[in-house]
Amino acid sequence: MTVIFHGSVQEHTSGVELFQVDNAANVRALIFLLGERFGEEFKDYLLGDDTCFFLVNGTGIMTTGGLQTPLHEGDTVEVLPLVGGG
């Protein structure tokens, strides 16, 4: 599957925008794999409240099971920073 890091999330990946992952059962497992690659601090950032959100094949994971959203070969996961405003 392809993971795409958007905007300020790339600050935590040393500028990496695209990353290929062979196998992750769900979004939570993917986060732990990304933590192995980019460091424990990045994993904690991804699991933190109000830091970023995830799209799987263009759909937000809050409507598909949250961190338990299943992942499959060929999926595209996008990691986007939350943007504040008002």
C-alpha atoms as a PDB file:
ATOM      1  CA  MET A   1       0.000   0.000   0.000  1.00  0.00           C
ATOM      2  CA  THR A   2       1.030   3.589  -0.478  1.00  0.00           C
ATOM      3  CA  VAL A   3       1.183   6.061   2.389  1.00  0.00           C
ATOM      4  CA  ILE A   4       1.145   9.744   1.477  1.00  0.00           C
ATOM      5  CA  PHE A   5       2.275  12.328   4.027  1.00  0.00           C
ATOM      6  CA  HIS A   6       0.801  15.795   3.504  1.00  0.00           C
ATOM      7  CA  GLY A   7       1.984  19.204   4.629  1.00  0.00           C
ATOM      8  CA  SER A   8       3.588  19.559   8.033  1.00  0.00           C
ATOM      9  CA  VAL A   9       3.416  15.791   8.642  1.00  0.00           C
ATOM     10  CA  GLN A  10       6.477  15.589   6.383  1.00  0.00           C
ATOM     11  CA  GLU A  11       8.458  17.479   9.029  1.00  0.00           C
ATOM     12  CA  HIS A  12       8.355  14.237  11.026  1.00  0.00           C
ATOM     13  CA  THR A  13       9.454  12.065   8.080  1.00  0.00           C
ATOM     14  CA  SER A  14      12.524  14.089   7.047  1.00  0.00           C
ATOM     15  CA  GLY A  15      10.627  15.279   3.989  1.00  0.00           C
ATOM     16  CA  VAL A  16       9.480  11.858   2.791  1.00  0.00           C
ATOM     17  CA  GLU A  17       6.171  12.312   0.944  1.00  0.00           C
ATOM     18  CA  LEU A  18       5.441   8.762  -0.267  1.00  0.00           C
ATOM     19  CA  PHE A  19       6.159   5.514   1.519  1.00  0.00           C
ATOM     20  CA  GLN A  20       5.382   1.943   0.477  1.00  0.00           C
ATOM     21  CA  VAL A  21       4.249  -0.619   3.037  1.00  0.00           C
ATOM     22  CA  ASP A  22       3.919  -4.306   2.214  1.00  0.00           C
ATOM     23  CA  ASN A  23       1.457  -5.354   4.869  1.00  0.00           C
ATOM     24  CA  ALA A  24      -0.540  -3.783   7.695  1.00  0.00           C
ATOM     25  CA  ALA A  25      -3.803  -5.268   8.933  1.00  0.00           C
ATOM     26  CA  ASN A  26      -5.315  -1.932   9.967  1.00  0.00           C
ATOM     27  CA  VAL A  27      -4.469   1.726  10.520  1.00  0.00           C
ATOM     28  CA  ARG A  28      -3.165   1.095  14.054  1.00  0.00           C
ATOM     29  CA  ALA A  29      -0.754  -1.574  12.763  1.00  0.00           C
ATOM     30  CA  LEU A  30       0.343   0.824  10.025  1.00  0.00           C
ATOM     31  CA  ILE A  31       1.119   3.501  12.608  1.00  0.00           C
ATOM     32  CA  PHE A  32       3.349   1.071  14.493  1.00  0.00           C
ATOM     33  CA  LEU A  33       5.149   0.120  11.256  1.00  0.00           C
ATOM     34  CA  LEU A  34       5.677   3.800  10.482  1.00  0.00           C
ATOM     35  CA  GLY A  35       7.035   4.258  13.991  1.00  0.00           C
ATOM     36  CA  GLU A  36       9.610   1.562  13.314  1.00  0.00           C
ATOM     37  CA  ARG A  37      10.708   3.405  10.173  1.00  0.00           C
ATOM     38  CA  PHE A  38      10.485   7.055  11.268  1.00  0.00           C
ATOM     39  CA  GLY A  39      10.907   6.742  15.033  1.00  0.00           C
ATOM     40  CA  GLU A  40       8.910   6.403  18.219  1.00  0.00           C
ATOM     41  CA  GLU A  41       8.271  10.153  18.337  1.00  0.00           C
ATOM     42  CA  PHE A  42       6.528   9.966  14.953  1.00  0.00           C
ATOM     43  CA  LYS A  43       4.360   7.079  16.157  1.00  0.00           C
ATOM     44  CA  ASP A  44       3.371   9.087  19.223  1.00  0.00           C
ATOM     45  CA  TYR A  45       2.613  12.077  16.992  1.00  0.00           C
ATOM     46  CA  LEU A  46       0.311   9.977  14.802  1.00  0.00           C
ATOM     47  CA  LEU A  47      -1.484   8.544  17.831  1.00  0.00           C
ATOM     48  CA  GLY A  48      -1.811  11.944  19.507  1.00  0.00           C
ATOM     49  CA  ASP A  49      -5.086  13.774  19.871  1.00  0.00           C
ATOM     50  CA  ASP A  50      -5.701  16.649  17.474  1.00  0.00           C
ATOM     51  CA  THR A  51      -2.504  16.253  15.438  1.00  0.00           C
ATOM     52  CA  CYS A  52      -3.528  14.585  12.183  1.00  0.00           C
ATOM     53  CA  PHE A  53      -6.177  12.515  10.471  1.00  0.00           C
ATOM     54  CA  PHE A  54      -6.187   9.628   8.052  1.00  0.00           C
ATOM     55  CA  LEU A  55      -7.918   8.904   4.773  1.00  0.00           C
ATOM     56  CA  VAL A  56      -8.037   5.377   3.356  1.00  0.00           C
ATOM     57  CA  ASN A  57      -8.796   5.424  -0.350  1.00  0.00           C
ATOM     58  CA  GLY A  58     -10.195   8.941   0.063  1.00  0.00           C
ATOM     59  CA  THR A  59     -12.495   8.196   3.020  1.00  0.00           C
ATOM     60  CA  GLY A  60     -11.879   9.430   6.559  1.00  0.00           C
ATOM     61  CA  ILE A  61     -11.310   6.610   9.009  1.00  0.00           C
ATOM     62  CA  MET A  62     -13.779   8.023  11.529  1.00  0.00           C
ATOM     63  CA  THR A  63     -16.555   6.553   9.372  1.00  0.00           C
ATOM     64  CA  THR A  64     -14.837   3.224   8.686  1.00  0.00           C
ATOM     65  CA  GLY A  65     -13.679   1.979  12.084  1.00  0.00           C
ATOM     66  CA  GLY A  66     -11.120   4.509  13.290  1.00  0.00           C
ATOM     67  CA  LEU A  67      -7.717   3.005  13.957  1.00  0.00           C
ATOM     68  CA  GLN A  68      -9.219  -0.455  13.434  1.00  0.00           C
ATOM     69  CA  THR A  69     -10.064   0.375   9.798  1.00  0.00           C
ATOM     70  CA  PRO A  70      -8.841  -2.635   7.789  1.00  0.00           C
ATOM     71  CA  LEU A  71      -6.153  -2.137   5.160  1.00  0.00           C
ATOM     72  CA  HIS A  72      -5.549  -4.158   2.021  1.00  0.00           C
ATOM     73  CA  GLU A  73      -2.945  -4.486  -0.695  1.00  0.00           C
ATOM     74  CA  GLY A  74      -3.273  -1.595  -3.129  1.00  0.00           C
ATOM     75  CA  ASP A  75      -4.848   0.806  -0.615  1.00  0.00           C
ATOM     76  CA  THR A  76      -3.754   4.423  -0.410  1.00  0.00           C
ATOM     77  CA  VAL A  77      -3.510   5.922   3.058  1.00  0.00           C
ATOM     78  CA  GLU A  78      -3.144   9.673   3.383  1.00  0.00           C
ATOM     79  CA  VAL A  79      -1.909  11.316   6.573  1.00  0.00           C
ATOM     80  CA  LEU A  80      -2.952  14.945   6.850  1.00  0.00           C
ATOM     81  CA  PRO A  81      -2.231  17.512   9.559  1.00  0.00           C
ATOM     82  CA  LEU A  82      -5.201  19.007  11.352  1.00  0.00           C
ATOM     83  CA  VAL A  83      -5.631  22.662  10.548  1.00  0.00           C
ATOM     84  CA  GLY A  84      -7.086  24.987  13.155  1.00  0.00           C
ATOM     85  CA  GLY A  85      -9.208  27.932  12.379  1.00  0.00           C
ATOM     86  CA  GLY A  86     -12.321  29.688  13.309  1.00  0.00           C
END
